[in-house]
Amino acid sequence: MAGEIEVEVVFALPRQQVLVTVSLQAGSTVADAIAASGMAQRFPGQDLAAATAGVWGRPVARDCRLRAGDRVEIYRPLVIEPREARRRRAEAGKTMAAPRAGRDARDSGRASGRGGSR
């Protein structure tokens, strides 16, 4: 149908992700797509009206006009800022990942055949 576009609307929780394809009139906005997706009804405990939204990973205003094939993403607020999380791990003496026992950075590539010659 001329004058209609299809877009995807996505929202994710840690253990659940939902992607909905909606048909809208050409010239529709991010807010229109979110409303048409029914995400607020699927996730009543989430404040989606206040959530930041984006299109293909780029935050946009709710009045941003959509094009056919766009993916509208509804972002959850951060539980903790990344810098604060790193600071807390450092204070606790934790790192992101510990090296495997018996190996160090110098020989990590040689065991798999990826190391260069010396």
C-alpha atoms as a PDB file:
ATOM      1  CA  MET A   1       0.000   0.000   0.000  1.00  0.00           C
ATOM      2  CA  ALA A   2       1.407   3.401  -0.951  1.00  0.00           C
ATOM      3  CA  GLY A   3       1.752   5.757   1.948  1.00  0.00           C
ATOM      4  CA  GLU A   4       2.489   3.023   4.482  1.00  0.00           C
ATOM      5  CA  ILE A   5       5.822   2.010   5.961  1.00  0.00           C
ATOM      6  CA  GLU A   6       6.888  -0.934   8.074  1.00  0.00           C
ATOM      7  CA  VAL A   7       9.263  -0.438  10.991  1.00  0.00           C
ATOM      8  CA  GLU A   8      10.463  -2.624  13.833  1.00  0.00           C
ATOM      9  CA  VAL A   9      10.164  -1.679  17.492  1.00  0.00           C
ATOM     10  CA  VAL A  10      12.394  -3.469  19.999  1.00  0.00           C
ATOM     11  CA  PHE A  11      12.637  -3.536  23.777  1.00  0.00           C
ATOM     12  CA  ALA A  12      14.718  -5.824  25.951  1.00  0.00           C
ATOM     13  CA  LEU A  13      14.965  -6.796  29.574  1.00  0.00           C
ATOM     14  CA  PRO A  14      17.860  -8.901  30.856  1.00  0.00           C
ATOM     15  CA  ARG A  15      16.004 -12.165  30.179  1.00  0.00           C
ATOM     16  CA  GLN A  16      13.414 -11.156  27.598  1.00  0.00           C
ATOM     17  CA  GLN A  17      13.579  -9.411  24.246  1.00  0.00           C
ATOM     18  CA  VAL A  18      10.616  -8.411  22.099  1.00  0.00           C
ATOM     19  CA  LEU A  19      10.660  -7.276  18.463  1.00  0.00           C
ATOM     20  CA  VAL A  20       7.402  -6.123  16.879  1.00  0.00           C
ATOM     21  CA  THR A  21       6.896  -5.092  13.255  1.00  0.00           C
ATOM     22  CA  VAL A  22       4.300  -2.352  12.829  1.00  0.00           C
ATOM     23  CA  SER A  23       2.742  -0.744   9.764  1.00  0.00           C
ATOM     24  CA  LEU A  24       2.369   3.021   9.970  1.00  0.00           C
ATOM     25  CA  GLN A  25       1.417   5.889   7.722  1.00  0.00           C
ATOM     26  CA  ALA A  26       4.341   7.528   5.950  1.00  0.00           C
ATOM     27  CA  GLY A  27       5.524  10.474   8.032  1.00  0.00           C
ATOM     28  CA  SER A  28       4.911   8.704  11.351  1.00  0.00           C
ATOM     29  CA  THR A  29       7.199   9.365  14.287  1.00  0.00           C
ATOM     30  CA  VAL A  30       9.100   7.323  16.842  1.00  0.00           C
ATOM     31  CA  ALA A  31       6.302   8.028  19.340  1.00  0.00           C
ATOM     32  CA  ASP A  32       3.717   6.704  16.858  1.00  0.00           C
ATOM     33  CA  ALA A  33       5.704   3.495  16.359  1.00  0.00           C
ATOM     34  CA  ILE A  34       6.106   2.906  20.098  1.00  0.00           C
ATOM     35  CA  ALA A  35       2.393   3.451  20.674  1.00  0.00           C
ATOM     36  CA  ALA A  36       1.445   1.127  17.794  1.00  0.00           C
ATOM     37  CA  SER A  37       3.806  -1.593  19.045  1.00  0.00           C
ATOM     38  CA  GLY A  38       1.889  -2.171  22.277  1.00  0.00           C
ATOM     39  CA  MET A  39       5.137  -2.341  24.264  1.00  0.00           C
ATOM     40  CA  ALA A  40       3.659  -0.318  27.144  1.00  0.00           C
ATOM     41  CA  GLN A  41       0.951  -2.969  27.556  1.00  0.00           C
ATOM     42  CA  ARG A  42       3.455  -5.836  27.307  1.00  0.00           C
ATOM     43  CA  PHE A  43       5.720  -4.287  29.949  1.00  0.00           C
ATOM     44  CA  PRO A  44       3.433  -2.469  32.400  1.00  0.00           C
ATOM     45  CA  GLY A  45       6.152  -2.282  35.066  1.00  0.00           C
ATOM     46  CA  GLN A  46       8.475  -0.272  32.797  1.00  0.00           C
ATOM     47  CA  ASP A  47       8.167   3.488  32.341  1.00  0.00           C
ATOM     48  CA  LEU A  48       8.466   3.455  28.555  1.00  0.00           C
ATOM     49  CA  ALA A  49       7.012   6.962  28.252  1.00  0.00           C
ATOM     50  CA  ALA A  50      10.112   8.340  29.987  1.00  0.00           C
ATOM     51  CA  ALA A  51      12.598   5.969  28.306  1.00  0.00           C
ATOM     52  CA  THR A  52      15.084   7.197  25.729  1.00  0.00           C
ATOM     53  CA  ALA A  53      14.453   5.895  22.225  1.00  0.00           C
ATOM     54  CA  GLY A  54      16.696   5.535  19.230  1.00  0.00           C
ATOM     55  CA  VAL A  55      16.768   4.472  15.609  1.00  0.00           C
ATOM     56  CA  TRP A  56      19.444   1.967  14.641  1.00  0.00           C
ATOM     57  CA  GLY A  57      21.507   2.662  17.766  1.00  0.00           C
ATOM     58  CA  ARG A  58      21.351   6.461  17.545  1.00  0.00           C
ATOM     59  CA  PRO A  59      19.284   8.249  20.215  1.00  0.00           C
ATOM     60  CA  VAL A  60      16.564  10.426  18.680  1.00  0.00           C
ATOM     61  CA  ALA A  61      13.673  12.603  19.832  1.00  0.00           C
ATOM     62  CA  ARG A  62      10.216  11.060  19.957  1.00  0.00           C
ATOM     63  CA  ASP A  63       9.074  13.383  17.161  1.00  0.00           C
ATOM     64  CA  CYS A  64      11.724  12.039  14.752  1.00  0.00           C
ATOM     65  CA  ARG A  65      10.084  10.930  11.499  1.00  0.00           C
ATOM     66  CA  LEU A  66      10.640   7.334  10.451  1.00  0.00           C
ATOM     67  CA  ARG A  67      11.488   5.728   7.130  1.00  0.00           C
ATOM     68  CA  ALA A  68      10.550   2.284   5.891  1.00  0.00           C
ATOM     69  CA  GLY A  69      12.777  -0.377   7.434  1.00  0.00           C
ATOM     70  CA  ASP A  70      13.846   1.656  10.466  1.00  0.00           C
ATOM     71  CA  ARG A  71      14.339  -0.111  13.789  1.00  0.00           C
ATOM     72  CA  VAL A  72      13.079   1.849  16.792  1.00  0.00           C
ATOM     73  CA  GLU A  73      14.854   0.867  19.999  1.00  0.00           C
ATOM     74  CA  ILE A  74      13.526   1.641  23.458  1.00  0.00           C
ATOM     75  CA  TYR A  75      16.410   1.958  25.924  1.00  0.00           C
ATOM     76  CA  ARG A  76      16.241   1.067  29.608  1.00  0.00           C
ATOM     77  CA  PRO A  77      18.006   3.385  32.034  1.00  0.00           C
ATOM     78  CA  LEU A  78      21.397   2.248  33.298  1.00  0.00           C
ATOM     79  CA  VAL A  79      21.349   0.556  36.690  1.00  0.00           C
ATOM     80  CA  ILE A  80      24.788   2.000  37.371  1.00  0.00           C
ATOM     81  CA  GLU A  81      27.083   4.239  35.346  1.00  0.00           C
ATOM     82  CA  PRO A  82      29.947   2.255  33.721  1.00  0.00           C
ATOM     83  CA  ARG A  83      32.624   4.385  35.380  1.00  0.00           C
ATOM     84  CA  GLU A  84      31.074   3.817  38.794  1.00  0.00           C
ATOM     85  CA  ALA A  85      30.889   0.055  38.164  1.00  0.00           C
ATOM     86  CA  ARG A  86      34.596  -0.036  37.204  1.00  0.00           C
ATOM     87  CA  ARG A  87      35.507   2.015  40.271  1.00  0.00           C
ATOM     88  CA  ARG A  88      33.618  -0.368  42.549  1.00  0.00           C
ATOM     89  CA  ARG A  89      35.273  -3.411  40.970  1.00  0.00           C
ATOM     90  CA  ALA A  90      38.689  -1.799  41.393  1.00  0.00           C
ATOM     91  CA  GLU A  91      38.004  -1.033  45.051  1.00  0.00           C
ATOM     92  CA  ALA A  92      36.983  -4.635  45.594  1.00  0.00           C
ATOM     93  CA  GLY A  93      40.137  -5.871  43.816  1.00  0.00           C
ATOM     94  CA  LYS A  94      38.156  -7.451  41.001  1.00  0.00           C
ATOM     95  CA  THR A  95      38.889  -7.290  37.291  1.00  0.00           C
ATOM     96  CA  MET A  96      36.788  -7.975  34.223  1.00  0.00           C
ATOM     97  CA  ALA A  97      38.531 -11.295  33.525  1.00  0.00           C
ATOM     98  CA  ALA A  98      41.474 -13.093  35.040  1.00  0.00           C
ATOM     99  CA  PRO A  99      44.144 -14.726  32.837  1.00  0.00           C
ATOM    100  CA  ARG A 100      44.028 -18.500  32.652  1.00  0.00           C
ATOM    101  CA  ALA A 101      46.334 -20.353  35.005  1.00  0.00           C
ATOM    102  CA  GLY A 102      49.762 -21.269  33.637  1.00  0.00           C
ATOM    103  CA  ARG A 103      49.661 -18.788  30.761  1.00  0.00           C
ATOM    104  CA  ASP A 104      50.769 -15.239  30.424  1.00  0.00           C
ATOM    105  CA  ALA A 105      50.317 -12.601  27.750  1.00  0.00           C
ATOM    106  CA  ARG A 106      53.637 -13.459  26.042  1.00  0.00           C
ATOM    107  CA  ASP A 107      52.710 -17.007  25.074  1.00  0.00           C
ATOM    108  CA  SER A 108      48.946 -16.642  24.588  1.00  0.00           C
ATOM    109  CA  GLY A 109      49.180 -16.526  20.785  1.00  0.00           C
ATOM    110  CA  ARG A 110      51.754 -19.308  20.321  1.00  0.00           C
ATOM    111  CA  ALA A 111      49.689 -22.103  21.812  1.00  0.00           C
ATOM    112  CA  SER A 112      46.947 -21.571  19.242  1.00  0.00           C
ATOM    113  CA  GLY A 113      49.308 -21.145  16.308  1.00  0.00           C
ATOM    114  CA  ARG A 114      48.569 -17.440  15.973  1.00  0.00           C
ATOM    115  CA  GLY A 115      51.821 -16.145  17.419  1.00  0.00           C
ATOM    116  CA  GLY A 116      54.417 -14.485  15.265  1.00  0.00           C
ATOM    117  CA  SER A 117      58.025 -15.645  15.002  1.00  0.00           C
ATOM    118  CA  ARG A 118      60.632 -14.012  17.177  1.00  0.00           C
END
